[in-house]
Structures are given as structure tokens and as C-alpha cells.
């Protein structure tokens, strides 16, 4: 399975099995059927020549009558892919017979198969996969495919934009989940999502944005093209070809900077949770909405073994419904005594000295050099909770700020393992001009700075100016807005 590590995967729906599944859905047209037939024959597999895609994720089994015909007719395509040193991963879903699908994949010469929730033993490589809430975290495979993700962007790709309860446009992003997953598994995180279907055409700019949404968070998108784009590529349409080039250029950009995925978060707010059941819903949404507010956070899994690493944090969030173990509780209280802020639900306790009137929705108590902020009522609105934590912590504890540009949800600040280099990534989800001025401030001091853009061959030096208070700001005169 080593061939899958650091590979660039592409979903390759084709053949009788995909036709059988798709023809039951609304909006399936004769043209869509033709596309699925077209991409099922060997010559079409050469369409990825000259680009970084080196792994085809093909439909293999779904517990349908068409499984056998799919596996028989796809063999020429598999053989052609292997001749070009492409990995072929067979996707198994539905009510499939896992053992039969694995045996058939081995006989057909596939690289591996992906089976939902697989936990057994097999002489043939098997990649367990799951949806967001049931990811097989203990996988020993080099990659972890996760489904039920969202197509990144501001909801409503037309002139109509969906507003969230926060009164801001609602942003769909997978970055928060990828960071959650990376804090739990050593495997490379693959996120799977595709367009909504029903004849929807994905705008050209949405494809590189989908790549960036995953890559800036340290994951990888399993590239999935809509029917219209796949049809255009089959017809060698120039517009479709240009769109495809933006995808491959974007993937290639991040592959040239693969070391960035080893960088560690410089976030100062730690979200501690076991991320299971209702805790997954609430604490996961805290991570999601923290990104929306450009709150740089770190994911701290509470697995009941040891205590979370609180070093470098200014605030810790405990929003789980159950109380922590005595060991974890003692660690959090020590964190507060050393000057940290702890934000919790209403059942935490009464340690410390009450400081009345500090916040209308929290009982704020001082303990040692720090504070405990316990919600006065049951936690119900994660957006308000995140906003309150940001207020209680104050911007005086920020380690990075962005001015003159919008990167809400796409603002990542990380450092190399040795701490000598830092990376500030800005990703805008909004449409508009392709370039913009931006000023970024960092609390850490750096001698020099460069800006990389996806469409730039080389990095460009940028101005580093000292602030009046002795801190430094980095002024980026141009950054790439996807």
C-alpha cells in the first residue's frame, strides 16, 4: 500500500455499476450515461497523462447485481492504468460481500480495495473508510478516506447566498474536520465529496478552491469531477481543458511544498473533547466556527489516556457533556493557575474566587494567575460560545491577524517542527478579483518573509515592518485569491 502514500487520488466513476446507482437518482440523463460509458474504456485512462494524478479510485462493488459485470468490464482499464504505474483503488460500499470483493480485486490486479469500517485481516491490502462521525481512527493503512464532506465555498453558487443564523454568509469547509482527523490519526486524510448533482454545473473556480480547502488544512481531496466537466474533457473542449489544468496546477503547487503538512498549529485556543456522540456535534462545531471567526485553535483529543498537551495555549475549551477525569481536571486547573483561561459548561464547579459582572453569560472566577469561565446556562449555541470565548480571551492574546483581506475559514498559521520557519496561509472563499492587497501581523518575529501564489513560478519577497509596540507585521502586497 506504499503506492498510496502521498498519492494524488481521483474518483473514477464509470461502467455498469455506476450507471445502476445513478439511474435511480433524480436528474440522471442519457448524456450522463454516455459519460459513464466513455470513461470505462482503456483509452480514456490516458486522460490523466502529464498531471500529478497517480491513483484512480474506481467503483468496484456495491452489493448490486451489476457488481460482477463492473469487475469484468473494468479489467482492461485497470491493466492500462498499471502499465502507466498508476495505483488503482477499488471502492466497495453498500451491502457488498467484503470477502468476495477483496478476492475479486486481488485477482484483477488492483492495488488495494477500500471497504467501509473494515477491521479484519487480509493478505490483500484493504483500506478502511468511514463517514465523518464514524471514521476508523485506528486504521493501520497509510491513508484514511472519509466521506460525507461538503463542497467548499459560500453556500449558493449563484447570485443568491445562503445566510447563516450568525447573519454572515454560510461557509462550507472541510478544513476543521481535517485538522480534527490529523490530530487523531497518523494516516494521510482523504476527504471525499462531489457536486450536488441534479444537473448542477460546478463553476470552474470551485475546483481549485476544493483542492486548497483540503490542502491548506493538511489533507487531500479525492478529486471528483461533475458530469459536465467530464463530458467536456471527453470531447476535448478547450474550456473544460482549461478548468482541468487549474486543478492539476493547484495540486502540483501543494505537492511541491509537501513539507508544509508536517507543520504544527500555532493556535492559542485548545478545544478538548472525545469528539464522540453529542460531543462530536458540539465540539466539532466549535472548531468549525472558530475557523469562521479566524480564531486559531488546536484540536486536543481526550481519549481517557494521560492529559492533553496544553503547552503554548492561552485558553482551553471544555464543552463535553461529561466531566473530565480527575487527572485531566487537575491538569486543566494547573493550566488556569499558571495564567490560562478555561471556558466550560455550567457543571464545572466553584473553584476560585468569583468576579461578578465580568460577562453576562459566564460565571468568571479567578484562580491563581488565570480564570475559569463557566457558562451560567446549558451550552446550546456554539457560535455564541465561540464569540464569548474570543471576547474573554481578548485580541491581546492573538498570535496572528489579517487586515485588508477576507480569509474567514481559510486562515492557517503553522510552524515547522524545529520552530525556525512559519507558514501563514490565506484562502478566500469569496468570488471577485483574482488579486488583493493584504497585511498580516504576527506576534513572532521573523527576519524575512516571502509570498507564494499558486500561479507564480517563484516566491516573491515581501516587506517586513516593525510595529510601534515592537512587534512586527508582514505586508503582503499581493496574494492569490482562488
Protein backbone atom coordinates (compact mmCIF):
# COMPACT_ATOMS: atom_id res chain seq x y z
CA UNK A 1 0.00 0.00 0.00
CA UNK A 2 3.05 2.26 -0.03
CA UNK A 3 1.97 3.41 -3.51
CA UNK A 4 -0.99 5.19 -1.92
CA UNK A 5 1.05 7.28 0.50
CA UNK A 6 1.33 10.85 -0.80
CA UNK A 7 -0.52 9.82 -3.95
CA UNK A 8 -2.92 12.11 -5.79
CA UNK A 9 -6.24 10.21 -5.96
CA UNK A 10 -9.05 10.83 -8.42
CA UNK A 11 -12.54 9.36 -8.26
CA UNK A 12 -13.17 7.46 -11.48
CA UNK A 13 -16.92 6.64 -11.66
CA UNK A 14 -17.72 4.58 -14.73
CA UNK A 15 -19.35 1.44 -16.03
CA UNK A 16 -22.46 -0.61 -15.32
CA UNK A 17 -22.26 -0.34 -11.54
CA UNK A 18 -22.22 3.47 -11.54
CA UNK A 19 -24.99 3.52 -14.14
CA UNK A 20 -27.12 1.24 -11.97
CA UNK A 21 -26.65 3.50 -8.95
CA UNK A 22 -27.05 6.78 -10.78
CA UNK A 23 -30.10 5.89 -12.84
CA UNK A 24 -32.10 5.69 -9.62
CA UNK A 25 -31.35 9.33 -8.81
CA UNK A 26 -33.13 12.44 -9.96
CA UNK A 27 -31.56 14.24 -12.90
CA UNK A 28 -29.77 11.25 -14.44
CA UNK A 29 -29.73 11.88 -18.19
CA UNK A 30 -28.78 9.86 -21.28
CA UNK A 31 -25.80 12.20 -21.64
CA UNK A 32 -24.62 11.31 -18.11
CA UNK A 33 -24.89 7.63 -19.02
CA UNK A 34 -22.77 8.20 -22.11
CA UNK A 35 -20.08 9.85 -19.97
CA UNK A 36 -20.01 6.86 -17.59
CA UNK A 37 -19.65 4.52 -20.55
CA UNK A 38 -16.98 6.67 -22.17
CA UNK A 39 -14.70 6.74 -19.11
CA UNK A 40 -14.96 2.97 -18.64
CA UNK A 41 -12.71 2.02 -21.57
CA UNK A 42 -8.89 1.88 -21.53
CA UNK A 43 -8.03 4.79 -23.85
CA UNK A 44 -9.85 7.22 -21.54
CA UNK A 45 -7.46 6.41 -18.66
CA UNK A 46 -4.69 8.20 -20.57
CA UNK A 47 -6.53 11.50 -19.97
CA UNK A 48 -4.55 11.93 -16.75
CA UNK A 49 -1.21 11.82 -18.58
CA UNK A 50 1.06 14.75 -17.81
CA UNK A 51 -0.57 15.69 -14.50
CA UNK A 52 0.03 14.66 -10.87
CA UNK A 53 -2.94 12.25 -10.60
CA UNK A 54 -1.45 8.83 -9.97
CA UNK A 55 -4.24 6.92 -8.24
CA UNK A 56 -7.63 6.03 -9.72
CA UNK A 57 -10.43 5.29 -7.26
CA UNK A 58 -12.75 3.07 -9.28
CA UNK A 59 -16.23 1.75 -8.48
CA UNK A 60 -15.77 -1.92 -7.57
CA UNK A 61 -18.70 -3.34 -5.59
CA UNK A 62 -21.94 -2.10 -4.04
CA UNK A 63 -23.92 -5.27 -3.34
CA UNK A 64 -25.82 -4.96 -6.63
CA UNK A 65 -26.38 -7.39 -9.48
CA UNK A 66 -24.10 -5.23 -11.62
CA UNK A 67 -21.04 -5.87 -9.41
CA UNK A 68 -19.82 -8.84 -11.45
CA UNK A 69 -20.27 -7.06 -14.78
CA UNK A 70 -18.45 -4.00 -13.40
CA UNK A 71 -15.48 -6.08 -12.29
CA UNK A 72 -15.34 -7.97 -15.58
CA UNK A 73 -15.55 -4.95 -17.87
CA UNK A 74 -13.19 -2.71 -15.92
CA UNK A 75 -10.21 -5.05 -16.19
CA UNK A 76 -8.83 -3.51 -19.43
CA UNK A 77 -8.88 -0.08 -17.78
CA UNK A 78 -7.10 -1.49 -14.72
CA UNK A 79 -4.45 -3.12 -16.92
CA UNK A 80 -3.89 0.13 -18.83
CA UNK A 81 -3.52 2.07 -15.57
CA UNK A 82 -1.00 -0.41 -14.18
CA UNK A 83 1.09 -0.15 -17.37
CA UNK A 84 1.37 3.56 -16.65
CA UNK A 85 2.31 2.94 -12.98
CA UNK A 86 -1.00 4.28 -11.70
CA UNK A 87 -2.37 2.83 -8.47
CA UNK A 88 -5.95 1.53 -8.72
CA UNK A 89 -8.08 1.50 -5.57
CA UNK A 90 -11.40 -0.35 -5.77
CA UNK A 91 -14.21 1.37 -3.87
CA UNK A 92 -16.59 -1.00 -2.02
CA UNK A 93 -19.80 0.31 -0.48
CA UNK A 94 -23.44 -0.61 0.02
CA UNK A 95 -24.32 -4.14 1.14
CA UNK A 96 -21.34 -5.73 -0.55
CA UNK A 97 -19.80 -9.08 0.32
CA UNK A 98 -16.47 -7.74 1.50
CA UNK A 99 -14.56 -11.02 1.23
CA UNK A 100 -15.77 -11.62 -2.32
CA UNK A 101 -14.92 -8.05 -3.34
CA UNK A 102 -11.42 -8.37 -1.88
CA UNK A 103 -10.79 -11.69 -3.64
CA UNK A 104 -12.00 -10.28 -6.97
CA UNK A 105 -9.78 -7.20 -6.57
CA UNK A 106 -6.73 -9.36 -5.92
CA UNK A 107 -7.47 -11.47 -9.00
CA UNK A 108 -7.93 -8.35 -11.14
CA UNK A 109 -4.61 -6.84 -10.10
CA UNK A 110 -5.91 -3.81 -8.18
CA UNK A 111 -3.54 -2.06 -5.81
CA UNK A 112 -5.99 -2.21 -2.90
CA UNK A 113 -9.67 -2.00 -2.03
CA UNK A 114 -11.45 0.45 0.27
CA UNK A 115 -14.10 -1.18 2.48
CA UNK A 116 -16.29 0.72 4.94
CA UNK A 117 -15.33 0.01 8.55
CA UNK A 118 -13.07 -2.92 7.67
CA UNK A 119 -11.37 -4.29 10.79
CA UNK A 120 -10.42 -7.86 9.87
CA UNK A 121 -7.25 -9.38 8.45
CA UNK A 122 -6.48 -9.77 4.80
CA UNK A 123 -3.44 -10.81 2.78
CA UNK A 124 -4.56 -8.32 0.13
CA UNK A 125 -4.30 -4.58 1.02
CA UNK A 126 -7.57 -3.19 2.41
CA UNK A 127 -8.18 0.47 3.25
CA UNK A 128 -10.89 1.02 5.89
CA UNK A 129 -13.10 4.07 5.28
CA UNK A 130 -15.97 5.73 7.10
CA UNK A 131 -18.15 8.80 7.28
CA UNK A 132 -17.21 11.82 9.36
CA UNK A 133 -18.77 10.65 12.61
CA UNK A 134 -17.55 7.04 12.27
CA UNK A 135 -14.05 7.30 10.84
CA UNK A 136 -11.91 4.21 11.54
CA UNK A 137 -9.32 6.10 13.57
CA UNK A 138 -7.27 3.04 14.49
CA UNK A 139 -6.51 2.16 10.88
CA UNK A 140 -3.02 0.90 10.10
CA UNK A 141 -3.41 1.89 6.45
CA UNK A 142 -1.35 4.79 5.06
CA UNK A 143 -4.49 6.73 4.07
CA UNK A 144 -7.86 7.32 5.76
CA UNK A 145 -10.72 8.06 3.33
CA UNK A 146 -13.62 9.95 4.94
CA UNK A 147 -16.99 10.54 3.27
CA UNK A 148 -19.95 12.88 3.93
CA UNK A 149 -17.87 16.00 3.45
CA UNK A 150 -19.08 19.25 1.87
CA UNK A 151 -18.20 21.03 -1.34
CA UNK A 152 -16.21 24.06 -0.11
CA UNK A 153 -17.47 27.58 -0.69
CA UNK A 154 -20.08 30.10 0.28
CA UNK A 155 -23.45 28.38 0.09
CA UNK A 156 -25.31 29.35 -3.05
CA UNK A 157 -23.05 29.47 -6.09
CA UNK A 158 -25.40 31.78 -7.98
CA UNK A 159 -26.26 35.34 -7.07
CA UNK A 160 -28.23 34.04 -4.09
CA UNK A 161 -26.16 33.42 -0.97
CA UNK A 162 -27.47 31.46 2.00
CA UNK A 163 -27.26 33.37 5.27
CA UNK A 164 -26.43 31.57 8.49
CA UNK A 165 -28.06 32.34 11.88
CA UNK A 166 -24.95 34.44 12.50
CA UNK A 167 -26.13 36.84 9.74
CA UNK A 168 -22.93 36.03 7.85
CA UNK A 169 -22.99 34.05 4.59
CA UNK A 170 -22.79 30.37 5.47
CA UNK A 171 -19.43 28.86 4.58
CA UNK A 172 -18.95 25.20 3.79
CA UNK A 173 -15.45 23.97 4.54
CA UNK A 174 -13.76 20.68 5.47
CA UNK A 175 -10.68 22.29 6.99
CA UNK A 176 -11.83 22.00 10.61
CA UNK A 177 -12.58 18.29 10.21
CA UNK A 178 -9.26 17.57 8.55
CA UNK A 179 -7.45 19.23 11.46
CA UNK A 180 -9.54 17.14 13.85
CA UNK A 181 -8.65 13.98 11.96
CA UNK A 182 -4.94 14.82 11.72
CA UNK A 183 -4.82 15.18 15.49
CA UNK A 184 -6.18 11.63 15.85
CA UNK A 185 -4.51 9.53 13.14
CA UNK A 186 -1.11 9.14 11.54
CA UNK A 187 -2.70 8.24 8.21
CA UNK A 188 -3.00 10.77 5.40
CA UNK A 189 -6.55 12.11 5.46
CA UNK A 190 -8.51 11.80 2.21
CA UNK A 191 -11.78 13.70 2.05
CA UNK A 192 -14.42 12.62 -0.45
CA UNK A 193 -17.14 14.92 -1.73
CA UNK A 194 -18.71 15.63 -5.06
CA UNK A 195 -21.08 18.17 -6.58
CA UNK A 196 -24.72 18.09 -5.57
CA UNK A 197 -25.74 16.55 -8.89
CA UNK A 198 -29.20 17.01 -10.42
CA UNK A 199 -27.62 18.65 -13.43
CA UNK A 200 -25.65 21.20 -11.41
CA UNK A 201 -22.58 22.55 -13.15
CA UNK A 202 -19.70 23.34 -10.80
CA UNK A 203 -18.10 26.75 -11.55
CA UNK A 204 -14.53 26.45 -12.81
CA UNK A 205 -13.07 28.36 -9.84
CA UNK A 206 -14.69 25.95 -7.38
CA UNK A 207 -12.34 23.13 -8.36
CA UNK A 208 -9.02 24.69 -7.28
CA UNK A 209 -10.83 26.01 -4.20
CA UNK A 210 -11.82 22.42 -3.35
CA UNK A 211 -8.16 21.39 -3.61
CA UNK A 212 -6.99 24.31 -1.45
CA UNK A 213 -9.62 23.76 1.24
CA UNK A 214 -8.19 20.31 1.92
CA UNK A 215 -4.51 21.00 1.31
CA UNK A 216 -4.20 24.11 3.48
CA UNK A 217 -5.56 22.08 6.41
CA UNK A 218 -3.13 19.24 5.73
CA UNK A 219 -5.45 16.79 3.96
CA UNK A 220 -6.11 15.67 0.41
CA UNK A 221 -9.23 15.81 -1.72
CA UNK A 222 -10.09 12.76 -3.78
CA UNK A 223 -10.68 14.73 -6.99
CA UNK A 224 -14.24 14.32 -8.27
CA UNK A 225 -15.44 15.99 -11.45
CA UNK A 226 -19.04 16.77 -12.35
CA UNK A 227 -20.69 15.18 -15.39
CA UNK A 228 -20.45 18.34 -17.48
CA UNK A 229 -16.71 18.73 -16.98
CA UNK A 230 -16.07 15.04 -17.62
CA UNK A 231 -18.12 15.24 -20.80
CA UNK A 232 -16.18 18.34 -21.90
CA UNK A 233 -12.86 16.58 -21.32
CA UNK A 234 -14.08 13.61 -23.34
CA UNK A 235 -14.95 15.97 -26.19
CA UNK A 236 -11.57 17.75 -25.81
CA UNK A 237 -13.39 21.02 -25.15
CA UNK A 238 -10.92 23.88 -24.62
CA UNK A 239 -12.83 25.39 -21.68
CA UNK A 240 -13.00 22.03 -19.92
CA UNK A 241 -9.30 21.54 -20.55
CA UNK A 242 -8.50 24.92 -19.02
CA UNK A 243 -10.56 24.08 -15.93
CA UNK A 244 -8.79 20.75 -15.56
CA UNK A 245 -5.42 22.50 -15.81
CA UNK A 246 -6.31 24.75 -12.86
CA UNK A 247 -6.95 21.59 -10.83
CA UNK A 248 -3.67 19.95 -11.74
CA UNK A 249 -1.70 23.18 -11.29
CA UNK A 250 -3.15 23.62 -7.81
CA UNK A 251 -2.39 20.04 -6.78
CA UNK A 252 1.14 20.36 -8.17
CA UNK A 253 1.68 23.56 -6.17
CA UNK A 254 0.97 21.82 -2.88
CA UNK A 255 2.95 18.73 -3.88
CA UNK A 256 6.00 20.96 -4.31
CA UNK A 257 5.50 22.08 -0.70
CA UNK A 258 4.67 18.70 0.81
CA UNK A 259 6.69 19.54 3.94
CA UNK A 260 4.02 22.05 4.96
CA UNK A 261 1.81 19.17 6.07
CA UNK A 262 4.29 18.39 8.84
CA UNK A 263 3.99 21.88 10.32
CA UNK A 264 2.27 22.21 13.71
CA UNK A 265 -0.50 24.59 14.61
CA UNK A 266 0.37 27.82 16.42
CA UNK A 267 -3.19 28.23 17.67
CA UNK A 268 -3.61 29.51 21.21
CA UNK A 269 -7.11 28.10 21.90
CA UNK A 270 -7.28 24.37 22.63
CA UNK A 271 -10.57 22.53 22.08
CA UNK A 272 -10.57 19.42 24.30
CA UNK A 273 -13.11 16.67 23.63
CA UNK A 274 -13.58 12.98 22.97
CA UNK A 275 -15.45 14.07 19.82
CA UNK A 276 -17.99 11.27 20.08
CA UNK A 277 -21.80 11.32 20.06
CA UNK A 278 -23.22 14.71 21.02
CA UNK A 279 -19.71 15.89 21.86
CA UNK A 280 -18.72 15.41 18.23
CA UNK A 281 -21.60 17.62 17.16
CA UNK A 282 -20.97 20.45 19.62
CA UNK A 283 -17.19 20.46 19.97
CA UNK A 284 -16.82 19.82 16.24
CA UNK A 285 -18.98 22.85 15.55
CA UNK A 286 -16.82 24.89 17.92
CA UNK A 287 -13.83 24.04 15.72
CA UNK A 288 -15.79 24.87 12.59
CA UNK A 289 -17.00 28.23 13.87
CA UNK A 290 -13.63 29.11 15.38
CA UNK A 291 -12.27 28.96 11.85
CA UNK A 292 -15.09 31.22 10.68
CA UNK A 293 -14.00 33.84 13.22
CA UNK A 294 -10.30 33.35 12.42
CA UNK A 295 -9.71 32.04 15.93
CA UNK A 296 -6.52 29.98 15.66
CA UNK A 297 -7.26 26.79 17.57
CA UNK A 298 -5.72 23.41 18.29
CA UNK A 299 -7.50 20.07 18.49
CA UNK A 300 -6.87 18.13 21.69
CA UNK A 301 -8.42 14.66 21.75
CA UNK A 302 -9.43 13.44 25.20
CA UNK A 303 -9.12 9.66 24.92
CA UNK A 304 -9.02 8.88 28.61
CA UNK A 305 -5.28 8.20 28.47
CA UNK A 306 -2.99 10.80 30.00
CA UNK A 307 -3.62 14.52 29.87
CA UNK A 308 -3.85 16.90 26.89
CA UNK A 309 -0.78 18.90 25.88
CA UNK A 310 -1.64 22.46 26.92
CA UNK A 311 1.79 23.96 26.24
CA UNK A 312 1.64 27.26 24.38
CA UNK A 313 -2.12 27.72 24.83
CA UNK A 314 -3.76 30.85 26.20
CA UNK A 315 -7.22 29.30 26.53
CA UNK A 316 -8.71 25.83 26.83
CA UNK A 317 -12.29 24.89 25.98
CA UNK A 318 -14.08 22.00 27.69
CA UNK A 319 -17.59 21.72 26.26
CA UNK A 320 -18.20 17.97 26.64
CA UNK A 321 -21.36 16.96 28.45
CA UNK A 322 -19.49 14.76 30.95
CA UNK A 323 -16.92 15.97 33.44
CA UNK A 324 -13.23 15.19 32.82
CA UNK A 325 -11.35 12.51 34.72
CA UNK A 326 -9.66 13.68 37.94
CA UNK A 327 -6.29 13.59 36.16
CA UNK A 328 -7.47 15.77 33.26
CA UNK A 329 -9.32 18.09 35.63
CA UNK A 330 -6.16 18.59 37.70
CA UNK A 331 -4.21 19.36 34.55
CA UNK A 332 -6.75 21.98 33.46
CA UNK A 333 -6.79 23.61 36.89
CA UNK A 334 -3.00 23.78 36.88
CA UNK A 335 -3.21 25.40 33.43
CA UNK A 336 -5.51 28.07 34.91
CA UNK A 337 -3.30 28.68 37.91
CA UNK A 338 -0.39 29.32 35.54
CA UNK A 339 -2.35 32.08 33.78
CA UNK A 340 -4.64 30.31 31.30
CA UNK A 341 -8.33 30.80 30.59
CA UNK A 342 -10.64 27.79 30.88
CA UNK A 343 -14.10 28.03 29.27
CA UNK A 344 -16.58 25.34 30.28
CA UNK A 345 -20.23 24.43 30.62
CA UNK A 346 -22.31 25.16 33.73
CA UNK A 347 -21.43 21.97 35.66
CA UNK A 348 -17.74 22.56 36.12
CA UNK A 349 -17.63 23.60 39.79
CA UNK A 350 -16.79 26.57 42.00
CA UNK A 351 -13.01 26.65 42.24
CA UNK A 352 -11.50 30.09 42.61
CA UNK A 353 -12.90 33.48 43.55
CA UNK A 354 -15.95 34.85 41.78
CA UNK A 355 -15.52 38.07 39.77
CA UNK A 356 -19.09 39.40 39.36
CA UNK A 357 -20.13 41.42 36.33
CA UNK A 358 -17.35 40.30 34.02
CA UNK A 359 -19.65 38.63 31.49
CA UNK A 360 -23.45 38.31 31.30
CA UNK A 361 -23.43 34.64 30.24
CA UNK A 362 -20.49 33.32 32.27
CA UNK A 363 -19.58 32.99 35.91
CA UNK A 364 -15.96 34.12 35.79
CA UNK A 365 -13.75 33.03 38.69
CA UNK A 366 -10.09 33.82 39.27
CA UNK A 367 -7.73 31.03 40.26
CA UNK A 368 -4.03 31.69 40.64
CA UNK A 369 -2.92 33.77 37.65
CA UNK A 370 -5.80 32.67 35.43
CA UNK A 371 -9.59 32.46 35.13
CA UNK A 372 -12.34 29.86 34.85
CA UNK A 373 -15.38 30.96 32.83
CA UNK A 374 -18.33 28.62 33.45
CA UNK A 375 -21.47 29.15 31.40
CA UNK A 376 -24.46 30.13 33.53
CA UNK A 377 -26.83 28.06 31.39
CA UNK A 378 -26.54 24.88 29.36
CA UNK A 379 -24.48 25.29 26.23
CA UNK A 380 -26.76 25.49 23.22
CA UNK A 381 -25.38 27.86 20.60
CA UNK A 382 -21.79 27.08 19.55
CA UNK A 383 -21.49 30.35 17.60
CA UNK A 384 -22.26 32.43 20.71
CA UNK A 385 -19.96 30.24 22.78
CA UNK A 386 -17.04 30.77 20.38
CA UNK A 387 -17.72 34.52 20.23
CA UNK A 388 -17.79 34.70 24.03
CA UNK A 389 -14.53 32.79 24.37
CA UNK A 390 -12.93 35.15 21.89
CA UNK A 391 -14.16 38.13 23.92
CA UNK A 392 -12.99 36.67 27.24
CA UNK A 393 -9.57 35.87 25.81
CA UNK A 394 -9.32 39.26 24.02
CA UNK A 395 -7.32 40.07 20.92
CA UNK A 396 -4.36 40.92 23.15
CA UNK A 397 -3.54 37.20 23.03
CA UNK A 398 -3.68 36.88 19.24
CA UNK A 399 -0.58 35.47 17.58
CA UNK A 400 -1.58 36.47 14.05
CA UNK A 401 -4.03 38.90 12.49
CA UNK A 402 -5.12 39.61 8.96
CA UNK A 403 -6.05 43.06 7.63
CA UNK A 404 -7.37 44.41 4.34
CA UNK A 405 -8.49 40.99 3.09
CA UNK A 406 -11.06 38.32 3.80
CA UNK A 407 -9.85 34.80 4.53
CA UNK A 408 -12.52 33.74 7.02
CA UNK A 409 -12.29 29.99 7.41
CA UNK A 410 -9.07 29.83 5.39
CA UNK A 411 -6.59 31.44 7.79
CA UNK A 412 -3.93 28.94 8.98
CA UNK A 413 -0.79 29.70 10.96
CA UNK A 414 1.67 26.85 11.50
CA UNK A 415 5.36 26.31 12.24
CA UNK A 416 7.95 23.81 11.10
CA UNK A 417 8.83 21.03 13.57
CA UNK A 418 12.04 22.82 14.56
CA UNK A 419 10.19 26.13 15.01
CA UNK A 420 12.53 28.03 12.70
CA UNK A 421 10.00 28.66 9.94
CA UNK A 422 6.35 29.60 9.94
CA UNK A 423 3.62 29.42 7.34
CA UNK A 424 0.63 31.78 7.16
CA UNK A 425 -1.91 30.53 4.61
CA UNK A 426 -4.70 32.76 3.35
CA UNK A 427 -7.57 31.27 1.40
CA UNK A 428 -10.56 33.32 0.32
CA UNK A 429 -13.85 31.56 -0.39
CA UNK A 430 -15.46 34.61 -1.97
CA UNK A 431 -15.71 35.39 -5.66
CA UNK A 432 -14.26 38.55 -7.12
CA UNK A 433 -10.87 39.84 -8.17
CA UNK A 434 -8.01 37.40 -8.53
CA UNK A 435 -5.58 39.52 -6.52
CA UNK A 436 -5.75 41.75 -3.49
CA UNK A 437 -3.56 43.61 -1.04
CA UNK A 438 -3.30 42.18 2.45
CA UNK A 439 -1.44 42.93 5.64
CA UNK A 440 -0.69 40.15 8.09
CA UNK A 441 0.57 40.74 11.63
CA UNK A 442 2.39 38.09 13.63
CA UNK A 443 3.47 38.18 17.24
CA UNK A 444 6.51 36.07 16.43
CA UNK A 445 9.42 37.93 14.87
CA UNK A 446 10.91 36.85 11.55
CA UNK A 447 13.91 38.23 9.70
CA UNK A 448 12.36 37.81 6.28
CA UNK A 449 9.17 36.76 4.54
CA UNK A 450 8.14 35.53 1.10
CA UNK A 451 4.78 35.03 -0.51
CA UNK A 452 3.88 32.08 -2.70
CA UNK A 453 0.97 32.16 -5.09
CA UNK A 454 -0.44 29.22 -6.97
CA UNK A 455 0.01 30.99 -10.29
CA UNK A 456 3.54 32.21 -9.50
CA UNK A 457 6.61 30.25 -10.55
CA UNK A 458 8.78 31.63 -7.72
CA UNK A 459 8.11 33.17 -4.28
CA UNK A 460 8.23 36.94 -4.01
CA UNK A 461 9.96 38.77 -1.13
CA UNK A 462 7.56 40.97 0.82
CA UNK A 463 8.01 43.88 3.18
CA UNK A 464 8.50 43.20 6.88
CA UNK A 465 7.84 46.26 9.01
CA UNK A 466 8.19 46.75 12.76
CA UNK A 467 5.08 47.90 14.62
CA UNK A 468 5.05 50.77 17.11
CA UNK A 469 4.86 48.35 20.03
CA UNK A 470 7.96 46.50 18.87
CA UNK A 471 6.07 43.64 17.27
CA UNK A 472 6.32 43.03 13.55
CA UNK A 473 3.88 42.91 10.70
CA UNK A 474 4.30 41.31 7.32
CA UNK A 475 2.74 43.26 4.48
CA UNK A 476 1.80 41.06 1.53
CA UNK A 477 1.36 43.31 -1.46
CA UNK A 478 -0.31 40.52 -3.41
CA UNK A 479 -1.78 37.16 -2.57
CA UNK A 480 -3.67 34.64 -4.68
CA UNK A 481 -7.40 34.64 -4.30
CA UNK A 482 -8.79 31.43 -5.80
